[in-house]
């Protein structure tokens, strides 16, 4: 059964994941699929704009640490763009660049069994 939209269109989009409704299961933004890239981007921007910037920086950091190999800043930028958080990528760029350096130094240390100073990487 499909009900007509009673609230705003943006409110209906948020309802898809029960956004900020603590009495209901919170679906992940990535669970939402659409045959319209434009609509999906609008949805992601809508919900990510209401999340504090620090949380976005942490989600990007988690992405970096989840990678099993060296990471390039271009990969991180692509991730941020695809997830509608490009502006947070730009805002926290210097911090994220350091996270990438540290991550890559850790990968290098494990791979070559030697300690690598992440400040010495590019």
PDB file of N, CA and C in Angstrom:
ATOM      1  N   UNK A   1       0.848  -1.175   0.000  1.00  0.00           N
ATOM      2  CA  UNK A   1       0.000   0.000   0.000  1.00  0.00           C
ATOM      3  C   UNK A   1       0.892   1.235   0.000  1.00  0.00           C
ATOM      4  N   UNK A   2       0.612   2.164  -0.867  1.00  0.00           N
ATOM      5  CA  UNK A   2       1.375   3.401  -0.944  1.00  0.00           C
ATOM      6  C   UNK A   2       0.501   4.541  -0.461  1.00  0.00           C
ATOM      7  N   UNK A   3       1.030   5.278   0.512  1.00  0.00           N
ATOM      8  CA  UNK A   3       0.292   6.414   1.040  1.00  0.00           C
ATOM      9  C   UNK A   3       0.842   7.696   0.431  1.00  0.00           C
ATOM     10  N   UNK A   4      -0.018   8.689   0.247  1.00  0.00           N
ATOM     11  CA  UNK A   4       0.486   9.963  -0.270  1.00  0.00           C
ATOM     12  C   UNK A   4       1.390  10.643   0.755  1.00  0.00           C
ATOM     13  N   UNK A   5       2.305  11.455   0.261  1.00  0.00           N
ATOM     14  CA  UNK A   5       3.217  12.180   1.140  1.00  0.00           C
ATOM     15  C   UNK A   5       2.423  13.208   1.931  1.00  0.00           C
ATOM     16  N   UNK A   6       2.476  13.070   3.258  1.00  0.00           N
ATOM     17  CA  UNK A   6       1.732  13.979   4.126  1.00  0.00           C
ATOM     18  C   UNK A   6       2.610  15.128   4.615  1.00  0.00           C
ATOM     19  N   UNK A   7       3.902  14.878   4.658  1.00  0.00           N
ATOM     20  CA  UNK A   7       4.835  15.898   5.096  1.00  0.00           C
ATOM     21  C   UNK A   7       5.570  16.415   3.875  1.00  0.00           C
ATOM     22  N   UNK A   8       6.661  17.068   4.117  1.00  0.00           N
ATOM     23  CA  UNK A   8       7.480  17.560   3.012  1.00  0.00           C
ATOM     24  C   UNK A   8       8.164  16.389   2.298  1.00  0.00           C
ATOM     25  N   UNK A   9       8.594  16.648   1.092  1.00  0.00           N
ATOM     26  CA  UNK A   9       9.307  15.624   0.336  1.00  0.00           C
ATOM     27  C   UNK A   9      10.598  15.257   1.067  1.00  0.00           C
ATOM     28  N   UNK A  10      11.291  16.266   1.591  1.00  0.00           N
ATOM     29  CA  UNK A  10      12.526  15.998   2.335  1.00  0.00           C
ATOM     30  C   UNK A  10      12.252  15.150   3.572  1.00  0.00           C
ATOM     31  N   UNK A  11      11.146  15.424   4.258  1.00  0.00           N
ATOM     32  CA  UNK A  11      10.761  14.627   5.415  1.00  0.00           C
ATOM     33  C   UNK A  11      10.494  13.176   5.030  1.00  0.00           C
ATOM     34  N   UNK A  12       9.894  12.993   3.880  1.00  0.00           N
ATOM     35  CA  UNK A  12       9.618  11.637   3.398  1.00  0.00           C
ATOM     36  C   UNK A  12      10.916  10.903   3.082  1.00  0.00           C
ATOM     37  N   UNK A  13      11.889  11.619   2.530  1.00  0.00           N
ATOM     38  CA  UNK A  13      13.182  10.999   2.247  1.00  0.00           C
ATOM     39  C   UNK A  13      13.860  10.569   3.548  1.00  0.00           C
ATOM     40  N   UNK A  14      13.814  11.422   4.556  1.00  0.00           N
ATOM     41  CA  UNK A  14      14.416  11.086   5.847  1.00  0.00           C
ATOM     42  C   UNK A  14      13.722   9.894   6.486  1.00  0.00           C
ATOM     43  N   UNK A  15      12.423   9.787   6.275  1.00  0.00           N
ATOM     44  CA  UNK A  15      11.656   8.702   6.874  1.00  0.00           C
ATOM     45  C   UNK A  15      12.121   7.337   6.353  1.00  0.00           C
ATOM     46  N   UNK A  16      12.689   7.303   5.152  1.00  0.00           N
ATOM     47  CA  UNK A  16      13.160   6.039   4.581  1.00  0.00           C
ATOM     48  C   UNK A  16      14.102   5.288   5.519  1.00  0.00           C
ATOM     49  N   UNK A  17      14.895   6.034   6.279  1.00  0.00           N
ATOM     50  CA  UNK A  17      15.853   5.402   7.195  1.00  0.00           C
ATOM     51  C   UNK A  17      15.515   5.682   8.657  1.00  0.00           C
ATOM     52  N   UNK A  18      14.318   6.256   8.891  1.00  0.00           N
ATOM     53  CA  UNK A  18      13.879   6.639  10.237  1.00  0.00           C
ATOM     54  C   UNK A  18      14.879   7.613  10.859  1.00  0.00           C
ATOM     55  N   UNK A  19      15.335   8.552  10.051  1.00  0.00           N
ATOM     56  CA  UNK A  19      16.369   9.506  10.446  1.00  0.00           C
ATOM     57  C   UNK A  19      15.966  10.274  11.695  1.00  0.00           C
ATOM     58  N   UNK A  20      16.794  10.145  12.740  1.00  0.00           N
ATOM     59  CA  UNK A  20      16.614  10.810  14.038  1.00  0.00           C
ATOM     60  C   UNK A  20      15.312  10.440  14.741  1.00  0.00           C
ATOM     61  N   UNK A  21      14.785   9.274  14.439  1.00  0.00           N
ATOM     62  CA  UNK A  21      13.611   8.772  15.148  1.00  0.00           C
ATOM     63  C   UNK A  21      14.095   7.642  16.058  1.00  0.00           C
ATOM     64  N   UNK A  22      14.420   7.991  17.287  1.00  0.00           N
ATOM     65  CA  UNK A  22      15.031   7.040  18.213  1.00  0.00           C
ATOM     66  C   UNK A  22      14.128   5.876  18.589  1.00  0.00           C
ATOM     67  N   UNK A  23      12.848   5.982  18.296  1.00  0.00           N
ATOM     68  CA  UNK A  23      11.915   4.901  18.629  1.00  0.00           C
ATOM     69  C   UNK A  23      11.856   3.839  17.544  1.00  0.00           C
ATOM     70  N   UNK A  24      12.575   4.059  16.441  1.00  0.00           N
ATOM     71  CA  UNK A  24      12.551   3.108  15.330  1.00  0.00           C
ATOM     72  C   UNK A  24      13.967   2.713  14.957  1.00  0.00           C
ATOM     73  N   UNK A  25      14.072   1.576  14.289  1.00  0.00           N
ATOM     74  CA  UNK A  25      15.369   1.091  13.824  1.00  0.00           C
ATOM     75  C   UNK A  25      15.982   2.116  12.866  1.00  0.00           C
ATOM     76  N   UNK A  26      17.259   2.421  13.077  1.00  0.00           N
ATOM     77  CA  UNK A  26      17.966   3.385  12.231  1.00  0.00           C
ATOM     78  C   UNK A  26      18.660   2.648  11.095  1.00  0.00           C
ATOM     79  N   UNK A  27      18.143   2.791   9.885  1.00  0.00           N
ATOM     80  CA  UNK A  27      18.768   2.177   8.725  1.00  0.00           C
ATOM     81  C   UNK A  27      19.967   3.012   8.295  1.00  0.00           C
ATOM     82  N   UNK A  28      20.948   2.351   7.752  1.00  0.00           N
ATOM     83  CA  UNK A  28      22.137   3.035   7.260  1.00  0.00           C
ATOM     84  C   UNK A  28      21.810   3.743   5.951  1.00  0.00           C
ATOM     85  N   UNK A  29      22.400   4.914   5.774  1.00  0.00           N
ATOM     86  CA  UNK A  29      22.198   5.700   4.555  1.00  0.00           C
ATOM     87  C   UNK A  29      22.560   4.870   3.328  1.00  0.00           C
ATOM     88  N   UNK A  30      23.570   4.022   3.450  1.00  0.00           N
ATOM     89  CA  UNK A  30      24.028   3.211   2.317  1.00  0.00           C
ATOM     90  C   UNK A  30      23.030   2.113   1.935  1.00  0.00           C
ATOM     91  N   UNK A  31      22.050   1.850   2.789  1.00  0.00           N
ATOM     92  CA  UNK A  31      21.029   0.854   2.470  1.00  0.00           C
ATOM     93  C   UNK A  31      20.026   1.362   1.434  1.00  0.00           C
ATOM     94  N   UNK A  32      19.964   2.657   1.244  1.00  0.00           N
ATOM     95  CA  UNK A  32      18.990   3.247   0.321  1.00  0.00           C
ATOM     96  C   UNK A  32      19.525   3.181  -1.099  1.00  0.00           C
ATOM     97  N   UNK A  33      18.728   2.638  -1.987  1.00  0.00           N
ATOM     98  CA  UNK A  33      19.076   2.529  -3.409  1.00  0.00           C
ATOM     99  C   UNK A  33      18.025   3.268  -4.220  1.00  0.00           C
ATOM    100  N   UNK A  34      18.435   3.736  -5.392  1.00  0.00           N
ATOM    101  CA  UNK A  34      17.512   4.459  -6.252  1.00  0.00           C
ATOM    102  C   UNK A  34      17.938   4.286  -7.703  1.00  0.00           C
ATOM    103  N   UNK A  35      16.968   4.361  -8.608  1.00  0.00           N
ATOM    104  CA  UNK A  35      17.312   4.330 -10.025  1.00  0.00           C
ATOM    105  C   UNK A  35      17.608   5.742 -10.529  1.00  0.00           C
ATOM    106  N   UNK A  36      17.576   6.707  -9.635  1.00  0.00           N
ATOM    107  CA  UNK A  36      17.877   8.100  -9.966  1.00  0.00           C
ATOM    108  C   UNK A  36      19.092   8.563  -9.161  1.00  0.00           C
ATOM    109  N   UNK A  37      20.220   8.737  -9.839  1.00  0.00           N
ATOM    110  CA  UNK A  37      21.421   9.218  -9.156  1.00  0.00           C
ATOM    111  C   UNK A  37      21.196  10.588  -8.543  1.00  0.00           C
ATOM    112  N   UNK A  38      20.433  11.423  -9.230  1.00  0.00           N
ATOM    113  CA  UNK A  38      20.161  12.780  -8.745  1.00  0.00           C
ATOM    114  C   UNK A  38      19.367  12.734  -7.434  1.00  0.00           C
ATOM    115  N   UNK A  39      18.351  11.893  -7.377  1.00  0.00           N
ATOM    116  CA  UNK A  39      17.538  11.762  -6.173  1.00  0.00           C
ATOM    117  C   UNK A  39      18.346  11.152  -5.029  1.00  0.00           C
ATOM    118  N   UNK A  40      19.165  10.161  -5.334  1.00  0.00           N
ATOM    119  CA  UNK A  40      19.991   9.533  -4.301  1.00  0.00           C
ATOM    120  C   UNK A  40      20.994  10.533  -3.735  1.00  0.00           C
ATOM    121  N   UNK A  41      21.585  11.347  -4.585  1.00  0.00           N
ATOM    122  CA  UNK A  41      22.521  12.367  -4.124  1.00  0.00           C
ATOM    123  C   UNK A  41      21.795  13.380  -3.234  1.00  0.00           C
ATOM    124  N   UNK A  42      20.584  13.780  -3.640  1.00  0.00           N
ATOM    125  CA  UNK A  42      19.798  14.720  -2.832  1.00  0.00           C
ATOM    126  C   UNK A  42      19.509  14.127  -1.457  1.00  0.00           C
ATOM    127  N   UNK A  43      19.141  12.859  -1.425  1.00  0.00           N
ATOM    128  CA  UNK A  43      18.860  12.173  -0.166  1.00  0.00           C
ATOM    129  C   UNK A  43      20.098  12.158   0.733  1.00  0.00           C
ATOM    130  N   UNK A  44      21.245  11.769   0.178  1.00  0.00           N
ATOM    131  CA  UNK A  44      22.469  11.691   0.981  1.00  0.00           C
ATOM    132  C   UNK A  44      22.881  13.063   1.502  1.00  0.00           C
ATOM    133  N   UNK A  45      22.774  14.072   0.673  1.00  0.00           N
ATOM    134  CA  UNK A  45      23.117  15.422   1.107  1.00  0.00           C
ATOM    135  C   UNK A  45      22.171  15.894   2.208  1.00  0.00           C
ATOM    136  N   UNK A  46      20.908  15.549   2.077  1.00  0.00           N
ATOM    137  CA  UNK A  46      19.909  15.953   3.057  1.00  0.00           C
ATOM    138  C   UNK A  46      20.234  15.413   4.436  1.00  0.00           C
ATOM    139  N   UNK A  47      20.526  14.136   4.530  1.00  0.00           N
ATOM    140  CA  UNK A  47      20.779  13.556   5.844  1.00  0.00           C
ATOM    141  C   UNK A  47      22.186  13.854   6.335  1.00  0.00           C
ATOM    142  N   UNK A  48      23.153  13.960   5.444  1.00  0.00           N
ATOM    143  CA  UNK A  48      24.516  14.226   5.907  1.00  0.00           C
ATOM    144  C   UNK A  48      24.691  15.667   6.333  1.00  0.00           C
ATOM    145  N   UNK A  49      23.905  16.588   5.799  1.00  0.00           N
ATOM    146  CA  UNK A  49      24.005  17.990   6.208  1.00  0.00           C
ATOM    147  C   UNK A  49      23.570  18.196   7.655  1.00  0.00           C
ATOM    148  N   UNK A  50      22.794  17.268   8.204  1.00  0.00           N
ATOM    149  CA  UNK A  50      22.309  17.398   9.571  1.00  0.00           C
ATOM    150  C   UNK A  50      23.184  16.661  10.583  1.00  0.00           C
ATOM    151  N   UNK A  51      24.225  16.013  10.095  1.00  0.00           N
ATOM    152  CA  UNK A  51      25.142  15.301  10.977  1.00  0.00           C
ATOM    153  C   UNK A  51      26.326  16.220  11.253  1.00  0.00           C
ATOM    154  N   UNK A  52      26.761  16.340  12.509  1.00  0.00           N
ATOM    155  CA  UNK A  52      27.898  17.210  12.815  1.00  0.00           C
ATOM    156  C   UNK A  52      29.128  16.851  11.982  1.00  0.00           C
ATOM    157  N   UNK A  53      29.874  17.875  11.582  1.00  0.00           N
ATOM    158  CA  UNK A  53      31.035  17.691  10.716  1.00  0.00           C
ATOM    159  C   UNK A  53      32.061  16.716  11.245  1.00  0.00           C
ATOM    160  N   UNK A  54      32.273  16.725  12.559  1.00  0.00           N
ATOM    161  CA  UNK A  54      33.241  15.808  13.148  1.00  0.00           C
ATOM    162  C   UNK A  54      32.902  14.354  12.899  1.00  0.00           C
ATOM    163  N   UNK A  55      31.617  14.043  12.879  1.00  0.00           N
ATOM    164  CA  UNK A  55      31.196  12.665  12.609  1.00  0.00           C
ATOM    165  C   UNK A  55      31.532  12.278  11.175  1.00  0.00           C
ATOM    166  N   UNK A  56      31.417  13.228  10.246  1.00  0.00           N
ATOM    167  CA  UNK A  56      31.779  12.944   8.860  1.00  0.00           C
ATOM    168  C   UNK A  56      33.275  12.709   8.736  1.00  0.00           C
ATOM    169  N   UNK A  57      34.054  13.516   9.433  1.00  0.00           N
ATOM    170  CA  UNK A  57      35.508  13.329   9.411  1.00  0.00           C
ATOM    171  C   UNK A  57      35.858  11.947   9.957  1.00  0.00           C
ATOM    172  N   UNK A  58      35.159  11.518  11.006  1.00  0.00           N
ATOM    173  CA  UNK A  58      35.418  10.198  11.587  1.00  0.00           C
ATOM    174  C   UNK A  58      34.996   9.082  10.630  1.00  0.00           C
ATOM    175  N   UNK A  59      33.901   9.286   9.881  1.00  0.00           N
ATOM    176  CA  UNK A  59      33.494   8.248   8.929  1.00  0.00           C
ATOM    177  C   UNK A  59      34.514   8.132   7.803  1.00  0.00           C
ATOM    178  N   UNK A  60      35.106   9.258   7.400  1.00  0.00           N
ATOM    179  CA  UNK A  60      36.155   9.215   6.377  1.00  0.00           C
ATOM    180  C   UNK A  60      37.392   8.532   6.952  1.00  0.00           C
ATOM    181  N   UNK A  61      37.707   8.836   8.199  1.00  0.00           N
ATOM    182  CA  UNK A  61      38.856   8.195   8.846  1.00  0.00           C
ATOM    183  C   UNK A  61      38.636   6.683   8.931  1.00  0.00           C
ATOM    184  N   UNK A  62      37.433   6.258   9.280  1.00  0.00           N
ATOM    185  CA  UNK A  62      37.132   4.824   9.337  1.00  0.00           C
ATOM    186  C   UNK A  62      37.300   4.181   7.964  1.00  0.00           C
ATOM    187  N   UNK A  63      36.886   4.898   6.921  1.00  0.00           N
ATOM    188  CA  UNK A  63      37.082   4.390   5.559  1.00  0.00           C
ATOM    189  C   UNK A  63      38.571   4.169   5.293  1.00  0.00           C
ATOM    190  N   UNK A  64      39.391   5.149   5.646  1.00  0.00           N
ATOM    191  CA  UNK A  64      40.834   5.054   5.417  1.00  0.00           C
ATOM    192  C   UNK A  64      41.399   3.835   6.132  1.00  0.00           C
ATOM    193  N   UNK A  65      41.053   3.675   7.412  1.00  0.00           N
ATOM    194  CA  UNK A  65      41.586   2.566   8.200  1.00  0.00           C
ATOM    195  C   UNK A  65      41.029   1.213   7.770  1.00  0.00           C
ATOM    196  N   UNK A  66      39.918   1.215   7.064  1.00  0.00           N
ATOM    197  CA  UNK A  66      39.354  -0.062   6.610  1.00  0.00           C
ATOM    198  C   UNK A  66      40.057  -0.597   5.362  1.00  0.00           C
ATOM    199  N   UNK A  67      40.887   0.226   4.745  1.00  0.00           N
ATOM    200  CA  UNK A  67      41.592  -0.192   3.541  1.00  0.00           C
ATOM    201  C   UNK A  67      42.804  -1.033   3.928  1.00  0.00           C
ATOM    202  N   UNK A  68      42.972  -2.133   3.252  1.00  0.00           N
ATOM    203  CA  UNK A  68      44.059  -3.058   3.584  1.00  0.00           C
ATOM    204  C   UNK A  68      45.374  -2.735   2.913  1.00  0.00           C
ATOM    205  N   UNK A  69      45.411  -1.686   2.125  1.00  0.00           N
ATOM    206  CA  UNK A  69      46.630  -1.339   1.416  1.00  0.00           C
ATOM    207  C   UNK A  69      46.830   0.167   1.475  1.00  0.00           C
ATOM    208  N   UNK A  70      47.849   0.634   0.794  1.00  0.00           N
ATOM    209  CA  UNK A  70      48.114   2.070   0.758  1.00  0.00           C
ATOM    210  C   UNK A  70      46.898   2.825   0.232  1.00  0.00           C
ATOM    211  N   UNK A  71      46.717   4.028   0.730  1.00  0.00           N
ATOM    212  CA  UNK A  71      45.580   4.861   0.339  1.00  0.00           C
ATOM    213  C   UNK A  71      46.108   6.161  -0.254  1.00  0.00           C
ATOM    214  N   UNK A  72      45.483   6.596  -1.329  1.00  0.00           N
ATOM    215  CA  UNK A  72      45.805   7.888  -1.934  1.00  0.00           C
ATOM    216  C   UNK A  72      44.706   8.870  -1.551  1.00  0.00           C
ATOM    217  N   UNK A  73      45.071  10.129  -1.459  1.00  0.00           N
ATOM    218  CA  UNK A  73      44.069  11.147  -1.138  1.00  0.00           C
ATOM    219  C   UNK A  73      42.980  11.199  -2.206  1.00  0.00           C
ATOM    220  N   UNK A  74      43.328  10.866  -3.442  1.00  0.00           N
ATOM    221  CA  UNK A  74      42.308  10.855  -4.499  1.00  0.00           C
ATOM    222  C   UNK A  74      41.244   9.796  -4.220  1.00  0.00           C
ATOM    223  N   UNK A  75      41.636   8.664  -3.624  1.00  0.00           N
ATOM    224  CA  UNK A  75      40.662   7.634  -3.241  1.00  0.00           C
ATOM    225  C   UNK A  75      39.725   8.169  -2.169  1.00  0.00           C
ATOM    226  N   UNK A  76      40.308   8.874  -1.218  1.00  0.00           N
ATOM    227  CA  UNK A  76      39.523   9.418  -0.110  1.00  0.00           C
ATOM    228  C   UNK A  76      38.552  10.468  -0.645  1.00  0.00           C
ATOM    229  N   UNK A  77      39.029  11.303  -1.555  1.00  0.00           N
ATOM    230  CA  UNK A  77      38.166  12.306  -2.175  1.00  0.00           C
ATOM    231  C   UNK A  77      37.018  11.667  -2.940  1.00  0.00           C
ATOM    232  N   UNK A  78      37.310  10.593  -3.646  1.00  0.00           N
ATOM    233  CA  UNK A  78      36.263   9.882  -4.394  1.00  0.00           C
ATOM    234  C   UNK A  78      35.217   9.314  -3.437  1.00  0.00           C
ATOM    235  N   UNK A  79      35.686   8.729  -2.335  1.00  0.00           N
ATOM    236  CA  UNK A  79      34.769   8.200  -1.324  1.00  0.00           C
ATOM    237  C   UNK A  79      33.870   9.310  -0.787  1.00  0.00           C
ATOM    238  N   UNK A  80      34.474  10.448  -0.453  1.00  0.00           N
ATOM    239  CA  UNK A  80      33.705  11.573   0.096  1.00  0.00           C
ATOM    240  C   UNK A  80      32.690  12.084  -0.920  1.00  0.00           C
ATOM    241  N   UNK A  81      33.087  12.191  -2.160  1.00  0.00           N
ATOM    242  CA  UNK A  81      32.182  12.670  -3.203  1.00  0.00           C
ATOM    243  C   UNK A  81      31.012  11.708  -3.405  1.00  0.00           C
ATOM    244  N   UNK A  82      31.305  10.433  -3.454  1.00  0.00           N
ATOM    245  CA  UNK A  82      30.254   9.424  -3.661  1.00  0.00           C
ATOM    246  C   UNK A  82      29.278   9.363  -2.493  1.00  0.00           C
ATOM    247  N   UNK A  83      29.714   9.790  -1.321  1.00  0.00           N
ATOM    248  CA  UNK A  83      28.863   9.729  -0.137  1.00  0.00           C
ATOM    249  C   UNK A  83      28.294  11.083   0.260  1.00  0.00           C
ATOM    250  N   UNK A  84      28.441  12.061  -0.636  1.00  0.00           N
ATOM    251  CA  UNK A  84      27.828  13.373  -0.412  1.00  0.00           C
ATOM    252  C   UNK A  84      28.454  14.182   0.710  1.00  0.00           C
ATOM    253  N   UNK A  85      29.732  13.919   1.009  1.00  0.00           N
ATOM    254  CA  UNK A  85      30.386  14.643   2.103  1.00  0.00           C
ATOM    255  C   UNK A  85      31.664  15.328   1.627  1.00  0.00           C
ATOM    256  N   UNK A  86      31.673  15.745   0.376  1.00  0.00           N
ATOM    257  CA  UNK A  86      32.829  16.412  -0.210  1.00  0.00           C
ATOM    258  C   UNK A  86      33.229  17.649   0.594  1.00  0.00           C
ATOM    259  N   UNK A  87      32.245  18.443   1.006  1.00  0.00           N
ATOM    260  CA  UNK A  87      32.570  19.676   1.742  1.00  0.00           C
ATOM    261  C   UNK A  87      33.294  19.375   3.052  1.00  0.00           C
ATOM    262  N   UNK A  88      33.010  18.230   3.672  1.00  0.00           N
ATOM    263  CA  UNK A  88      33.713  17.855   4.895  1.00  0.00           C
ATOM    264  C   UNK A  88      35.119  17.350   4.579  1.00  0.00           C
ATOM    265  N   UNK A  89      35.270  16.699   3.448  1.00  0.00           N
ATOM    266  CA  UNK A  89      36.594  16.281   2.985  1.00  0.00           C
ATOM    267  C   UNK A  89      37.492  17.508   2.812  1.00  0.00           C
ATOM    268  N   UNK A  90      36.960  18.549   2.197  1.00  0.00           N
ATOM    269  CA  UNK A  90      37.716  19.781   1.994  1.00  0.00           C
ATOM    270  C   UNK A  90      38.004  20.456   3.336  1.00  0.00           C
ATOM    271  N   UNK A  91      36.989  20.538   4.184  1.00  0.00           N
ATOM    272  CA  UNK A  91      37.138  21.213   5.478  1.00  0.00           C
ATOM    273  C   UNK A  91      38.204  20.543   6.349  1.00  0.00           C
ATOM    274  N   UNK A  92      38.244  19.215   6.330  1.00  0.00           N
ATOM    275  CA  UNK A  92      39.162  18.463   7.187  1.00  0.00           C
ATOM    276  C   UNK A  92      40.350  17.895   6.404  1.00  0.00           C
ATOM    277  N   UNK A  93      40.641  18.487   5.268  1.00  0.00           N
ATOM    278  CA  UNK A  93      41.663  17.942   4.367  1.00  0.00           C
ATOM    279  C   UNK A  93      43.010  17.744   5.063  1.00  0.00           C
ATOM    280  N   UNK A  94      43.496  18.741   5.765  1.00  0.00           N
ATOM    281  CA  UNK A  94      44.834  18.611   6.364  1.00  0.00           C
ATOM    282  C   UNK A  94      44.855  17.503   7.421  1.00  0.00           C
ATOM    283  N   UNK A  95      43.795  17.393   8.194  1.00  0.00           N
ATOM    284  CA  UNK A  95      43.705  16.312   9.182  1.00  0.00           C
ATOM    285  C   UNK A  95      43.666  14.951   8.475  1.00  0.00           C
ATOM    286  N   UNK A  96      42.830  14.836   7.452  1.00  0.00           N
ATOM    287  CA  UNK A  96      42.690  13.569   6.738  1.00  0.00           C
ATOM    288  C   UNK A  96      43.976  13.190   6.011  1.00  0.00           C
ATOM    289  N   UNK A  97      44.700  14.189   5.516  1.00  0.00           N
ATOM    290  CA  UNK A  97      45.980  13.924   4.866  1.00  0.00           C
ATOM    291  C   UNK A  97      46.932  13.273   5.871  1.00  0.00           C
ATOM    292  N   UNK A  98      46.925  13.761   7.117  1.00  0.00           N
ATOM    293  CA  UNK A  98      47.769  13.161   8.155  1.00  0.00           C
ATOM    294  C   UNK A  98      47.309  11.742   8.493  1.00  0.00           C
ATOM    295  N   UNK A  99      46.008  11.524   8.493  1.00  0.00           N
ATOM    296  CA  UNK A  99      45.487  10.175   8.756  1.00  0.00           C
ATOM    297  C   UNK A  99      45.950   9.221   7.649  1.00  0.00           C
ATOM    298  N   UNK A 100      45.910   9.675   6.401  1.00  0.00           N
ATOM    299  CA  UNK A 100      46.380   8.853   5.278  1.00  0.00           C
ATOM    300  C   UNK A 100      47.873   8.554   5.424  1.00  0.00           C
ATOM    301  N   UNK A 101      48.662   9.559   5.778  1.00  0.00           N
ATOM    302  CA  UNK A 101      50.101   9.348   5.973  1.00  0.00           C
ATOM    303  C   UNK A 101      50.354   8.307   7.065  1.00  0.00           C
ATOM    304  N   UNK A 102      49.649   8.455   8.176  1.00  0.00           N
ATOM    305  CA  UNK A 102      49.814   7.523   9.288  1.00  0.00           C
ATOM    306  C   UNK A 102      49.402   6.105   8.874  1.00  0.00           C
ATOM    307  N   UNK A 103      48.287   6.009   8.167  1.00  0.00           N
ATOM    308  CA  UNK A 103      47.807   4.700   7.685  1.00  0.00           C
ATOM    309  C   UNK A 103      48.843   4.061   6.761  1.00  0.00           C
ATOM    310  N   UNK A 104      49.345   4.836   5.807  1.00  0.00           N
ATOM    311  CA  UNK A 104      50.318   4.310   4.855  1.00  0.00           C
ATOM    312  C   UNK A 104      51.623   3.917   5.537  1.00  0.00           C
ATOM    313  N   UNK A 105      52.043   4.668   6.557  1.00  0.00           N
ATOM    314  CA  UNK A 105      53.237   4.310   7.323  1.00  0.00           C
ATOM    315  C   UNK A 105      53.027   2.992   8.060  1.00  0.00           C
ATOM    316  N   UNK A 106      51.835   2.797   8.620  1.00  0.00           N
ATOM    317  CA  UNK A 106      51.525   1.537   9.303  1.00  0.00           C
ATOM    318  C   UNK A 106      51.575   0.360   8.331  1.00  0.00           C
ATOM    319  N   UNK A 107      51.012   0.547   7.149  1.00  0.00           N
ATOM    320  CA  UNK A 107      51.037  -0.511   6.122  1.00  0.00           C
ATOM    321  C   UNK A 107      52.492  -0.837   5.764  1.00  0.00           C
ATOM    322  N   UNK A 108      53.278   0.207   5.559  1.00  0.00           N
ATOM    323  CA  UNK A 108      54.689   0.035   5.199  1.00  0.00           C
ATOM    324  C   UNK A 108      55.446  -0.685   6.311  1.00  0.00           C
ATOM    325  N   UNK A 109      55.207  -0.291   7.556  1.00  0.00           N
ATOM    326  CA  UNK A 109      55.882  -0.917   8.694  1.00  0.00           C
ATOM    327  C   UNK A 109      55.569  -2.405   8.777  1.00  0.00           C
ATOM    328  N   UNK A 110      54.310  -2.750   8.574  1.00  0.00           N
ATOM    329  CA  UNK A 110      53.908  -4.158   8.625  1.00  0.00           C
ATOM    330  C   UNK A 110      54.497  -4.941   7.455  1.00  0.00           C
ATOM    331  N   UNK A 111      54.498  -4.321   6.294  1.00  0.00           N
ATOM    332  CA  UNK A 111      54.963  -5.003   5.092  1.00  0.00           C
ATOM    333  C   UNK A 111      56.464  -5.263   5.127  1.00  0.00           C
ATOM    334  N   UNK A 112      57.222  -4.295   5.617  1.00  0.00           N
ATOM    335  CA  UNK A 112      58.681  -4.407   5.583  1.00  0.00           C
ATOM    336  C   UNK A 112      59.302  -4.630   6.960  1.00  0.00           C
ATOM    337  N   UNK A 113      58.452  -4.866   7.958  1.00  0.00           N
ATOM    338  CA  UNK A 113      58.900  -5.189   9.319  1.00  0.00           C
ATOM    339  C   UNK A 113      59.910  -4.170   9.847  1.00  0.00           C
ATOM    340  N   UNK A 114      59.600  -2.915   9.638  1.00  0.00           N
ATOM    341  CA  UNK A 114      60.443  -1.837  10.134  1.00  0.00           C
ATOM    342  C   UNK A 114      59.561  -0.658  10.512  1.00  0.00           C
ATOM    343  N   UNK A 115      59.982   0.094  11.489  1.00  0.00           N
ATOM    344  CA  UNK A 115      59.203   1.259  11.923  1.00  0.00           C
ATOM    345  C   UNK A 115      59.397   2.391  10.916  1.00  0.00           C
ATOM    346  N   UNK A 116      58.282   3.013  10.506  1.00  0.00           N
ATOM    347  CA  UNK A 116      58.327   4.110   9.555  1.00  0.00           C
ATOM    348  C   UNK A 116      57.717   5.348  10.219  1.00  0.00           C
ATOM    349  N   UNK A 117      58.443   6.451  10.150  1.00  0.00           N
ATOM    350  CA  UNK A 117      57.937   7.717  10.676  1.00  0.00           C
ATOM    351  C   UNK A 117      56.957   8.278   9.668  1.00  0.00           C
ATOM    352  N   UNK A 118      55.685   8.376  10.030  1.00  0.00           N
ATOM    353  CA  UNK A 118      54.670   8.814   9.062  1.00  0.00           C
ATOM    354  C   UNK A 118      54.878  10.260   8.637  1.00  0.00           C
ATOM    355  N   UNK A 119      55.578  11.059   9.433  1.00  0.00           N
ATOM    356  CA  UNK A 119      55.865  12.445   9.040  1.00  0.00           C
ATOM    357  C   UNK A 119      56.841  12.522   7.870  1.00  0.00           C
ATOM    358  N   UNK A 120      57.587  11.432   7.641  1.00  0.00           N
ATOM    359  CA  UNK A 120      58.555  11.437   6.552  1.00  0.00           C
ATOM    360  C   UNK A 120      57.929  11.069   5.205  1.00  0.00           C
ATOM    361  N   UNK A 121      56.659  10.631   5.229  1.00  0.00           N
ATOM    362  CA  UNK A 121      56.001  10.229   3.985  1.00  0.00           C
ATOM    363  C   UNK A 121      55.481  11.471   3.287  1.00  0.00           C
ATOM    364  N   UNK A 122      55.855  11.594   2.048  1.00  0.00           N
ATOM    365  CA  UNK A 122      55.582  12.754   1.186  1.00  0.00           C
ATOM    366  C   UNK A 122      55.274  13.902   2.019  1.00  0.00           C
TER     367      UNK A 122
END
